[in-house]
């Protein structure tokens, strides 16, 4: 059996609403904040990095976001089938 001693302390300043919301969800899942932090840190070690993709958007993506937020160059397709036809062009 691999038993690890929990002998280190991690402190972080976070938004109180974020903390409360996260604790509420974790409680429903049967976890404490310490459990969640330990799982996250274990995943970092297992994957040798952050366990999800982090990217800085390129200029095209940033421009597309800007246009979408401004309601520019949007195309209404009406259905999933129409969207597929548009993508397959």
C-alpha atoms as a PDB file:
ATOM      1  CA  UNK A   1       0.000   0.000   0.000  1.00  0.00           C
ATOM      2  CA  UNK A   2       1.348   3.418  -0.988  1.00  0.00           C
ATOM      3  CA  UNK A   3       0.499   5.817   1.859  1.00  0.00           C
ATOM      4  CA  UNK A   4       1.682   9.394   1.520  1.00  0.00           C
ATOM      5  CA  UNK A   5       2.146  11.685   4.482  1.00  0.00           C
ATOM      6  CA  UNK A   6       0.422  15.016   4.084  1.00  0.00           C
ATOM      7  CA  UNK A   7       3.011  17.256   5.682  1.00  0.00           C
ATOM      8  CA  UNK A   8       3.085  20.360   3.435  1.00  0.00           C
ATOM      9  CA  UNK A   9       0.784  23.364   3.392  1.00  0.00           C
ATOM     10  CA  UNK A  10      -0.283  25.292   0.286  1.00  0.00           C
ATOM     11  CA  UNK A  11      -1.821  28.749   0.642  1.00  0.00           C
ATOM     12  CA  UNK A  12      -3.454  30.726  -2.142  1.00  0.00           C
ATOM     13  CA  UNK A  13      -5.534  33.883  -2.311  1.00  0.00           C
ATOM     14  CA  UNK A  14      -8.706  33.381  -4.336  1.00  0.00           C
ATOM     15  CA  UNK A  15     -12.031  35.121  -4.804  1.00  0.00           C
ATOM     16  CA  UNK A  16     -14.382  34.231  -1.933  1.00  0.00           C
ATOM     17  CA  UNK A  17     -17.310  33.539  -4.289  1.00  0.00           C
ATOM     18  CA  UNK A  18     -15.162  31.172  -6.335  1.00  0.00           C
ATOM     19  CA  UNK A  19     -14.133  29.350  -3.165  1.00  0.00           C
ATOM     20  CA  UNK A  20     -17.723  29.036  -1.898  1.00  0.00           C
ATOM     21  CA  UNK A  21     -19.030  27.819  -5.267  1.00  0.00           C
ATOM     22  CA  UNK A  22     -16.224  25.295  -5.643  1.00  0.00           C
ATOM     23  CA  UNK A  23     -16.671  24.023  -2.076  1.00  0.00           C
ATOM     24  CA  UNK A  24     -20.400  23.582  -2.659  1.00  0.00           C
ATOM     25  CA  UNK A  25     -19.806  21.486  -5.770  1.00  0.00           C
ATOM     26  CA  UNK A  26     -17.011  19.499  -4.154  1.00  0.00           C
ATOM     27  CA  UNK A  27     -19.218  18.753  -1.143  1.00  0.00           C
ATOM     28  CA  UNK A  28     -21.881  17.327  -3.460  1.00  0.00           C
ATOM     29  CA  UNK A  29     -19.185  15.109  -4.963  1.00  0.00           C
ATOM     30  CA  UNK A  30     -17.960  14.026  -1.533  1.00  0.00           C
ATOM     31  CA  UNK A  31     -14.631  15.876  -1.710  1.00  0.00           C
ATOM     32  CA  UNK A  32     -12.956  18.559   0.332  1.00  0.00           C
ATOM     33  CA  UNK A  33     -10.980  21.437  -1.115  1.00  0.00           C
ATOM     34  CA  UNK A  34      -7.807  19.640   0.022  1.00  0.00           C
ATOM     35  CA  UNK A  35      -8.934  16.490  -1.826  1.00  0.00           C
ATOM     36  CA  UNK A  36      -9.498  18.503  -5.009  1.00  0.00           C
ATOM     37  CA  UNK A  37      -6.154  20.285  -4.772  1.00  0.00           C
ATOM     38  CA  UNK A  38      -4.389  16.962  -4.198  1.00  0.00           C
ATOM     39  CA  UNK A  39      -6.140  15.433  -7.240  1.00  0.00           C
ATOM     40  CA  UNK A  40      -5.168  18.429  -9.365  1.00  0.00           C
ATOM     41  CA  UNK A  41      -1.529  18.314  -8.276  1.00  0.00           C
ATOM     42  CA  UNK A  42      -1.409  14.542  -8.848  1.00  0.00           C
ATOM     43  CA  UNK A  43      -2.719  15.068 -12.392  1.00  0.00           C
ATOM     44  CA  UNK A  44      -0.018  17.692 -13.012  1.00  0.00           C
ATOM     45  CA  UNK A  45       2.604  15.162 -11.950  1.00  0.00           C
ATOM     46  CA  UNK A  46       1.040  12.286 -13.920  1.00  0.00           C
ATOM     47  CA  UNK A  47       0.757  14.340 -17.117  1.00  0.00           C
ATOM     48  CA  UNK A  48       3.977  16.260 -16.576  1.00  0.00           C
ATOM     49  CA  UNK A  49       2.091  19.529 -17.024  1.00  0.00           C
ATOM     50  CA  UNK A  50      -1.247  21.248 -16.607  1.00  0.00           C
ATOM     51  CA  UNK A  51      -3.945  18.572 -17.132  1.00  0.00           C
ATOM     52  CA  UNK A  52      -5.826  20.597 -19.730  1.00  0.00           C
ATOM     53  CA  UNK A  53      -4.862  22.488 -22.847  1.00  0.00           C
ATOM     54  CA  UNK A  54      -3.718  26.095 -22.449  1.00  0.00           C
ATOM     55  CA  UNK A  55      -3.302  28.243 -25.527  1.00  0.00           C
ATOM     56  CA  UNK A  56      -2.816  31.859 -26.396  1.00  0.00           C
ATOM     57  CA  UNK A  57      -5.242  32.519 -29.265  1.00  0.00           C
ATOM     58  CA  UNK A  58      -3.653  33.495 -32.576  1.00  0.00           C
ATOM     59  CA  UNK A  59      -4.568  36.719 -34.374  1.00  0.00           C
ATOM     60  CA  UNK A  60      -7.192  35.048 -36.598  1.00  0.00           C
ATOM     61  CA  UNK A  61      -8.943  33.536 -33.584  1.00  0.00           C
ATOM     62  CA  UNK A  62      -8.862  36.855 -31.702  1.00  0.00           C
ATOM     63  CA  UNK A  63     -10.317  38.670 -34.707  1.00  0.00           C
ATOM     64  CA  UNK A  64     -13.013  36.013 -35.095  1.00  0.00           C
ATOM     65  CA  UNK A  65     -13.945  36.379 -31.403  1.00  0.00           C
ATOM     66  CA  UNK A  66     -14.092  40.172 -31.790  1.00  0.00           C
ATOM     67  CA  UNK A  67     -16.351  39.936 -34.853  1.00  0.00           C
ATOM     68  CA  UNK A  68     -18.620  37.363 -33.233  1.00  0.00           C
ATOM     69  CA  UNK A  69     -19.021  39.477 -30.103  1.00  0.00           C
ATOM     70  CA  UNK A  70     -19.831  42.477 -32.291  1.00  0.00           C
ATOM     71  CA  UNK A  71     -22.371  40.435 -34.272  1.00  0.00           C
ATOM     72  CA  UNK A  72     -20.373  40.809 -37.467  1.00  0.00           C
ATOM     73  CA  UNK A  73     -19.999  38.229 -40.241  1.00  0.00           C
ATOM     74  CA  UNK A  74     -22.377  35.778 -38.607  1.00  0.00           C
ATOM     75  CA  UNK A  75     -24.197  33.279 -40.771  1.00  0.00           C
ATOM     76  CA  UNK A  76     -27.481  31.730 -39.685  1.00  0.00           C
ATOM     77  CA  UNK A  77     -27.777  28.172 -40.875  1.00  0.00           C
ATOM     78  CA  UNK A  78     -31.095  27.120 -39.350  1.00  0.00           C
ATOM     79  CA  UNK A  79     -30.222  23.469 -38.854  1.00  0.00           C
ATOM     80  CA  UNK A  80     -27.384  21.083 -38.183  1.00  0.00           C
ATOM     81  CA  UNK A  81     -27.711  19.676 -41.702  1.00  0.00           C
ATOM     82  CA  UNK A  82     -27.293  23.160 -43.175  1.00  0.00           C
ATOM     83  CA  UNK A  83     -24.254  23.726 -40.984  1.00  0.00           C
ATOM     84  CA  UNK A  84     -22.710  20.488 -42.207  1.00  0.00           C
ATOM     85  CA  UNK A  85     -23.317  21.538 -45.833  1.00  0.00           C
ATOM     86  CA  UNK A  86     -21.694  24.904 -45.160  1.00  0.00           C
ATOM     87  CA  UNK A  87     -18.639  23.305 -43.497  1.00  0.00           C
ATOM     88  CA  UNK A  88     -18.262  20.737 -46.296  1.00  0.00           C
ATOM     89  CA  UNK A  89     -17.989  23.469 -48.972  1.00  0.00           C
END
